[in-house]
Amino acid sequence: MSREQPEHMTWFKSSYSGTSGGDCVEVAVDRNAVHVRDSKERRGPALRFSAAGWSAFVAGARARG
């Protein structure tokens, strides 16, 4: 995990997130990585995935969902 969240990144909330304020994640993509953070803790730590790591993570989540 990394606390590094450059100001230039644009964060997107998951399309599966509702408006009730529950558990939500935000994702930002730069040329080197995919960053994921808790939408309620924007200054907190963020996960940083390589492109291949992100693809594997999403594939695993889909297989379980």
PDB file of N, CA and C in Angstrom:
ATOM      1  N   MET A   1       0.836  -1.183   0.000  1.00  0.00           N
ATOM      2  CA  MET A   1       0.000   0.000   0.000  1.00  0.00           C
ATOM      3  C   MET A   1       0.875   1.237   0.000  1.00  0.00           C
ATOM      4  N   SER A   2       0.336   2.271  -0.490  1.00  0.00           N
ATOM      5  CA  SER A   2       1.070   3.519  -0.569  1.00  0.00           C
ATOM      6  C   SER A   2       0.161   4.675  -0.191  1.00  0.00           C
ATOM      7  N   ARG A   3       0.713   5.672   0.489  1.00  0.00           N
ATOM      8  CA  ARG A   3      -0.054   6.877   0.786  1.00  0.00           C
ATOM      9  C   ARG A   3       0.123   7.910  -0.320  1.00  0.00           C
ATOM     10  N   GLU A   4       0.919   7.567  -1.292  1.00  0.00           N
ATOM     11  CA  GLU A   4       1.202   8.497  -2.382  1.00  0.00           C
ATOM     12  C   GLU A   4       0.001   8.603  -3.313  1.00  0.00           C
ATOM     13  N   GLN A   5      -0.625   9.755  -3.310  1.00  0.00           N
ATOM     14  CA  GLN A   5      -1.775  10.003  -4.160  1.00  0.00           C
ATOM     15  C   GLN A   5      -1.578  11.355  -4.829  1.00  0.00           C
ATOM     16  N   PRO A   6      -0.852  11.373  -5.932  1.00  0.00           N
ATOM     17  CA  PRO A   6      -0.572  12.646  -6.599  1.00  0.00           C
ATOM     18  C   PRO A   6      -1.843  13.428  -6.902  1.00  0.00           C
ATOM     19  N   GLU A   7      -1.751  14.734  -6.794  1.00  0.00           N
ATOM     20  CA  GLU A   7      -2.895  15.612  -6.999  1.00  0.00           C
ATOM     21  C   GLU A   7      -3.464  15.542  -8.409  1.00  0.00           C
ATOM     22  N   HIS A   8      -2.651  15.198  -9.380  1.00  0.00           N
ATOM     23  CA  HIS A   8      -3.112  15.199 -10.769  1.00  0.00           C
ATOM     24  C   HIS A   8      -4.024  14.031 -11.129  1.00  0.00           C
ATOM     25  N   MET A   9      -4.152  13.060 -10.266  1.00  0.00           N
ATOM     26  CA  MET A   9      -4.973  11.898 -10.587  1.00  0.00           C
ATOM     27  C   MET A   9      -6.455  12.226 -10.478  1.00  0.00           C
ATOM     28  N   THR A  10      -7.228  11.674 -11.387  1.00  0.00           N
ATOM     29  CA  THR A  10      -8.676  11.807 -11.353  1.00  0.00           C
ATOM     30  C   THR A  10      -9.255  10.496 -10.830  1.00  0.00           C
ATOM     31  N   TRP A  11     -10.001  10.589  -9.738  1.00  0.00           N
ATOM     32  CA  TRP A  11     -10.570   9.407  -9.099  1.00  0.00           C
ATOM     33  C   TRP A  11     -12.002   9.200  -9.574  1.00  0.00           C
ATOM     34  N   PHE A  12     -12.380   7.934  -9.792  1.00  0.00           N
ATOM     35  CA  PHE A  12     -13.718   7.554 -10.218  1.00  0.00           C
ATOM     36  C   PHE A  12     -14.307   6.590  -9.207  1.00  0.00           C
ATOM     37  N   LYS A  13     -15.539   6.829  -8.817  1.00  0.00           N
ATOM     38  CA  LYS A  13     -16.220   5.922  -7.902  1.00  0.00           C
ATOM     39  C   LYS A  13     -16.725   4.714  -8.694  1.00  0.00           C
ATOM     40  N   SER A  14     -16.721   3.576  -8.057  1.00  0.00           N
ATOM     41  CA  SER A  14     -17.203   2.358  -8.690  1.00  0.00           C
ATOM     42  C   SER A  14     -18.622   2.539  -9.214  1.00  0.00           C
ATOM     43  N   SER A  15     -18.881   2.009 -10.383  1.00  0.00           N
ATOM     44  CA  SER A  15     -20.238   2.082 -10.952  1.00  0.00           C
ATOM     45  C   SER A  15     -21.219   1.236 -10.149  1.00  0.00           C
ATOM     46  N   TYR A  16     -20.721   0.363  -9.298  1.00  0.00           N
ATOM     47  CA  TYR A  16     -21.572  -0.462  -8.436  1.00  0.00           C
ATOM     48  C   TYR A  16     -21.865   0.214  -7.103  1.00  0.00           C
ATOM     49  N   SER A  17     -21.251   1.350  -6.845  1.00  0.00           N
ATOM     50  CA  SER A  17     -21.474   2.065  -5.595  1.00  0.00           C
ATOM     51  C   SER A  17     -22.841   2.738  -5.622  1.00  0.00           C
ATOM     52  N   GLY A  18     -23.535   2.629  -4.532  1.00  0.00           N
ATOM     53  CA  GLY A  18     -24.836   3.282  -4.421  1.00  0.00           C
ATOM     54  C   GLY A  18     -24.681   4.693  -3.881  1.00  0.00           C
ATOM     55  N   THR A  19     -25.779   5.346  -3.639  1.00  0.00           N
ATOM     56  CA  THR A  19     -25.773   6.711  -3.110  1.00  0.00           C
ATOM     57  C   THR A  19     -26.052   6.742  -1.617  1.00  0.00           C
ATOM     58  N   SER A  20     -26.135   5.579  -0.985  1.00  0.00           N
ATOM     59  CA  SER A  20     -26.478   5.520   0.437  1.00  0.00           C
ATOM     60  C   SER A  20     -25.284   5.731   1.355  1.00  0.00           C
ATOM     61  N   GLY A  21     -24.094   5.904   0.815  1.00  0.00           N
ATOM     62  CA  GLY A  21     -22.909   6.152   1.642  1.00  0.00           C
ATOM     63  C   GLY A  21     -22.292   4.909   2.236  1.00  0.00           C
ATOM     64  N   GLY A  22     -22.597   3.758   1.691  1.00  0.00           N
ATOM     65  CA  GLY A  22     -22.044   2.503   2.195  1.00  0.00           C
ATOM     66  C   GLY A  22     -20.610   2.293   1.769  1.00  0.00           C
ATOM     67  N   ASP A  23     -20.238   1.043   1.639  1.00  0.00           N
ATOM     68  CA  ASP A  23     -18.878   0.687   1.267  1.00  0.00           C
ATOM     69  C   ASP A  23     -18.635   0.997  -0.212  1.00  0.00           C
ATOM     70  N   CYS A  24     -17.723   1.899  -0.475  1.00  0.00           N
ATOM     71  CA  CYS A  24     -17.425   2.303  -1.848  1.00  0.00           C
ATOM     72  C   CYS A  24     -15.920   2.398  -2.048  1.00  0.00           C
ATOM     73  N   VAL A  25     -15.500   2.143  -3.257  1.00  0.00           N
ATOM     74  CA  VAL A  25     -14.106   2.346  -3.609  1.00  0.00           C
ATOM     75  C   VAL A  25     -14.020   3.332  -4.754  1.00  0.00           C
ATOM     76  N   GLU A  26     -12.880   3.979  -4.858  1.00  0.00           N
ATOM     77  CA  GLU A  26     -12.579   4.872  -5.971  1.00  0.00           C
ATOM     78  C   GLU A  26     -11.324   4.362  -6.647  1.00  0.00           C
ATOM     79  N   VAL A  27     -11.253   4.559  -7.942  1.00  0.00           N
ATOM     80  CA  VAL A  27     -10.137   4.079  -8.752  1.00  0.00           C
ATOM     81  C   VAL A  27      -9.572   5.243  -9.556  1.00  0.00           C
ATOM     82  N   ALA A  28      -8.255   5.303  -9.643  1.00  0.00           N
ATOM     83  CA  ALA A  28      -7.568   6.273 -10.494  1.00  0.00           C
ATOM     84  C   ALA A  28      -6.529   5.509 -11.313  1.00  0.00           C
ATOM     85  N   VAL A  29      -6.365   5.920 -12.555  1.00  0.00           N
ATOM     86  CA  VAL A  29      -5.424   5.242 -13.448  1.00  0.00           C
ATOM     87  C   VAL A  29      -4.391   6.251 -13.922  1.00  0.00           C
ATOM     88  N   ASP A  30      -3.121   5.876 -13.835  1.00  0.00           N
ATOM     89  CA  ASP A  30      -2.076   6.674 -14.456  1.00  0.00           C
ATOM     90  C   ASP A  30      -1.308   5.766 -15.402  1.00  0.00           C
ATOM     91  N   ARG A  31      -0.265   6.264 -16.016  1.00  0.00           N
ATOM     92  CA  ARG A  31       0.425   5.459 -17.034  1.00  0.00           C
ATOM     93  C   ARG A  31       1.175   4.268 -16.454  1.00  0.00           C
ATOM     94  N   ASN A  32       1.397   4.253 -15.128  1.00  0.00           N
ATOM     95  CA  ASN A  32       2.162   3.174 -14.524  1.00  0.00           C
ATOM     96  C   ASN A  32       1.363   2.230 -13.643  1.00  0.00           C
ATOM     97  N   ALA A  33       0.162   2.628 -13.230  1.00  0.00           N
ATOM     98  CA  ALA A  33      -0.541   1.817 -12.242  1.00  0.00           C
ATOM     99  C   ALA A  33      -2.018   2.161 -12.163  1.00  0.00           C
ATOM    100  N   VAL A  34      -2.737   1.283 -11.474  1.00  0.00           N
ATOM    101  CA  VAL A  34      -4.131   1.524 -11.099  1.00  0.00           C
ATOM    102  C   VAL A  34      -4.138   1.675  -9.588  1.00  0.00           C
ATOM    103  N   HIS A  35      -4.737   2.749  -9.100  1.00  0.00           N
ATOM    104  CA  HIS A  35      -4.780   3.049  -7.676  1.00  0.00           C
ATOM    105  C   HIS A  35      -6.205   2.871  -7.173  1.00  0.00           C
ATOM    106  N   VAL A  36      -6.359   2.294  -5.988  1.00  0.00           N
ATOM    107  CA  VAL A  36      -7.679   2.046  -5.412  1.00  0.00           C
ATOM    108  C   VAL A  36      -7.668   2.561  -3.980  1.00  0.00           C
ATOM    109  N   ARG A  37      -8.733   3.294  -3.591  1.00  0.00           N
ATOM    110  CA  ARG A  37      -8.821   3.811  -2.228  1.00  0.00           C
ATOM    111  C   ARG A  37     -10.261   3.730  -1.735  1.00  0.00           C
ATOM    112  N   ASP A  38     -10.419   3.827  -0.442  1.00  0.00           N
ATOM    113  CA  ASP A  38     -11.724   3.878   0.209  1.00  0.00           C
ATOM    114  C   ASP A  38     -12.292   5.273   0.000  1.00  0.00           C
ATOM    115  N   SER A  39     -13.493   5.371  -0.534  1.00  0.00           N
ATOM    116  CA  SER A  39     -14.063   6.686  -0.833  1.00  0.00           C
ATOM    117  C   SER A  39     -14.336   7.515   0.418  1.00  0.00           C
ATOM    118  N   LYS A  40     -14.430   6.858   1.577  1.00  0.00           N
ATOM    119  CA  LYS A  40     -14.670   7.592   2.818  1.00  0.00           C
ATOM    120  C   LYS A  40     -13.371   8.041   3.487  1.00  0.00           C
ATOM    121  N   GLU A  41     -12.253   7.494   3.059  1.00  0.00           N
ATOM    122  CA  GLU A  41     -10.937   7.803   3.638  1.00  0.00           C
ATOM    123  C   GLU A  41     -10.000   8.274   2.537  1.00  0.00           C
ATOM    124  N   ARG A  42     -10.342   9.351   1.891  1.00  0.00           N
ATOM    125  CA  ARG A  42      -9.590   9.797   0.713  1.00  0.00           C
ATOM    126  C   ARG A  42      -8.146  10.159   0.999  1.00  0.00           C
ATOM    127  N   ARG A  43      -7.818  10.529   2.193  1.00  0.00           N
ATOM    128  CA  ARG A  43      -6.429  10.853   2.547  1.00  0.00           C
ATOM    129  C   ARG A  43      -5.700   9.650   3.123  1.00  0.00           C
ATOM    130  N   GLY A  44      -6.409   8.538   3.252  1.00  0.00           N
ATOM    131  CA  GLY A  44      -5.817   7.323   3.802  1.00  0.00           C
ATOM    132  C   GLY A  44      -4.985   6.589   2.771  1.00  0.00           C
ATOM    133  N   PRO A  45      -4.544   5.391   3.117  1.00  0.00           N
ATOM    134  CA  PRO A  45      -3.710   4.620   2.178  1.00  0.00           C
ATOM    135  C   PRO A  45      -4.494   4.193   0.948  1.00  0.00           C
ATOM    136  N   ALA A  46      -3.766   3.977  -0.114  1.00  0.00           N
ATOM    137  CA  ALA A  46      -4.352   3.486  -1.363  1.00  0.00           C
ATOM    138  C   ALA A  46      -3.570   2.262  -1.817  1.00  0.00           C
ATOM    139  N   LEU A  47      -4.273   1.338  -2.441  1.00  0.00           N
ATOM    140  CA  LEU A  47      -3.601   0.198  -3.052  1.00  0.00           C
ATOM    141  C   LEU A  47      -3.122   0.612  -4.434  1.00  0.00           C
ATOM    142  N   ARG A  48      -1.989   0.084  -4.824  1.00  0.00           N
ATOM    143  CA  ARG A  48      -1.418   0.388  -6.138  1.00  0.00           C
ATOM    144  C   ARG A  48      -1.176  -0.933  -6.848  1.00  0.00           C
ATOM    145  N   PHE A  49      -1.802  -1.100  -8.008  1.00  0.00           N
ATOM    146  CA  PHE A  49      -1.682  -2.319  -8.791  1.00  0.00           C
ATOM    147  C   PHE A  49      -0.974  -2.022 -10.108  1.00  0.00           C
ATOM    148  N   SER A  50      -0.161  -2.954 -10.559  1.00  0.00           N
ATOM    149  CA  SER A  50       0.319  -2.886 -11.943  1.00  0.00           C
ATOM    150  C   SER A  50      -0.877  -3.214 -12.836  1.00  0.00           C
ATOM    151  N   ALA A  51      -0.753  -2.983 -14.133  1.00  0.00           N
ATOM    152  CA  ALA A  51      -1.849  -3.306 -15.047  1.00  0.00           C
ATOM    153  C   ALA A  51      -2.183  -4.801 -14.990  1.00  0.00           C
ATOM    154  N   ALA A  52      -1.170  -5.631 -14.974  1.00  0.00           N
ATOM    155  CA  ALA A  52      -1.397  -7.079 -14.911  1.00  0.00           C
ATOM    156  C   ALA A  52      -2.011  -7.477 -13.571  1.00  0.00           C
ATOM    157  N   GLY A  53      -1.548  -6.866 -12.500  1.00  0.00           N
ATOM    158  CA  GLY A  53      -2.092  -7.148 -11.174  1.00  0.00           C
ATOM    159  C   GLY A  53      -3.547  -6.742 -11.059  1.00  0.00           C
ATOM    160  N   TRP A  54      -3.901  -5.576 -11.630  1.00  0.00           N
ATOM    161  CA  TRP A  54      -5.285  -5.113 -11.618  1.00  0.00           C
ATOM    162  C   TRP A  54      -6.183  -6.072 -12.412  1.00  0.00           C
ATOM    163  N   SER A  55      -5.711  -6.510 -13.582  1.00  0.00           N
ATOM    164  CA  SER A  55      -6.484  -7.450 -14.391  1.00  0.00           C
ATOM    165  C   SER A  55      -6.746  -8.744 -13.630  1.00  0.00           C
ATOM    166  N   ALA A  56      -5.746  -9.250 -12.949  1.00  0.00           N
ATOM    167  CA  ALA A  56      -5.903 -10.474 -12.158  1.00  0.00           C
ATOM    168  C   ALA A  56      -6.872 -10.254 -10.997  1.00  0.00           C
ATOM    169  N   PHE A  57      -6.782  -9.107 -10.331  1.00  0.00           N
ATOM    170  CA  PHE A  57      -7.673  -8.781  -9.224  1.00  0.00           C
ATOM    171  C   PHE A  57      -9.130  -8.731  -9.701  1.00  0.00           C
ATOM    172  N   VAL A  58      -9.383  -8.025 -10.789  1.00  0.00           N
ATOM    173  CA  VAL A  58     -10.749  -7.893 -11.322  1.00  0.00           C
ATOM    174  C   VAL A  58     -11.280  -9.251 -11.772  1.00  0.00           C
ATOM    175  N   ALA A  59     -10.453 -10.050 -12.429  1.00  0.00           N
ATOM    176  CA  ALA A  59     -10.881 -11.371 -12.873  1.00  0.00           C
ATOM    177  C   ALA A  59     -11.247 -12.244 -11.668  1.00  0.00           C
ATOM    178  N   GLY A  60     -10.466 -12.163 -10.611  1.00  0.00           N
ATOM    179  CA  GLY A  60     -10.769 -12.935  -9.399  1.00  0.00           C
ATOM    180  C   GLY A  60     -12.047 -12.478  -8.733  1.00  0.00           C
ATOM    181  N   ALA A  61     -12.262 -11.157  -8.708  1.00  0.00           N
ATOM    182  CA  ALA A  61     -13.494 -10.622  -8.108  1.00  0.00           C
ATOM    183  C   ALA A  61     -14.717 -11.040  -8.918  1.00  0.00           C
ATOM    184  N   ARG A  62     -14.607 -11.015 -10.226  1.00  0.00           N
ATOM    185  CA  ARG A  62     -15.730 -11.433 -11.079  1.00  0.00           C
ATOM    186  C   ARG A  62     -16.049 -12.901 -10.894  1.00  0.00           C
ATOM    187  N   ALA A  63     -15.029 -13.713 -10.743  1.00  0.00           N
ATOM    188  CA  ALA A  63     -15.222 -15.156 -10.586  1.00  0.00           C
ATOM    189  C   ALA A  63     -15.948 -15.486  -9.275  1.00  0.00           C
ATOM    190  N   ARG A  64     -15.787 -14.621  -8.280  1.00  0.00           N
ATOM    191  CA  ARG A  64     -16.411 -14.850  -6.984  1.00  0.00           C
ATOM    192  C   ARG A  64     -17.781 -14.173  -6.853  1.00  0.00           C
ATOM    193  N   GLY A  65     -18.075 -13.235  -7.771  1.00  0.00           N
ATOM    194  CA  GLY A  65     -19.271 -12.405  -7.632  1.00  0.00           C
ATOM    195  C   GLY A  65     -20.424 -12.880  -8.366  1.00  0.00           C
TER     196      GLY A  65
END
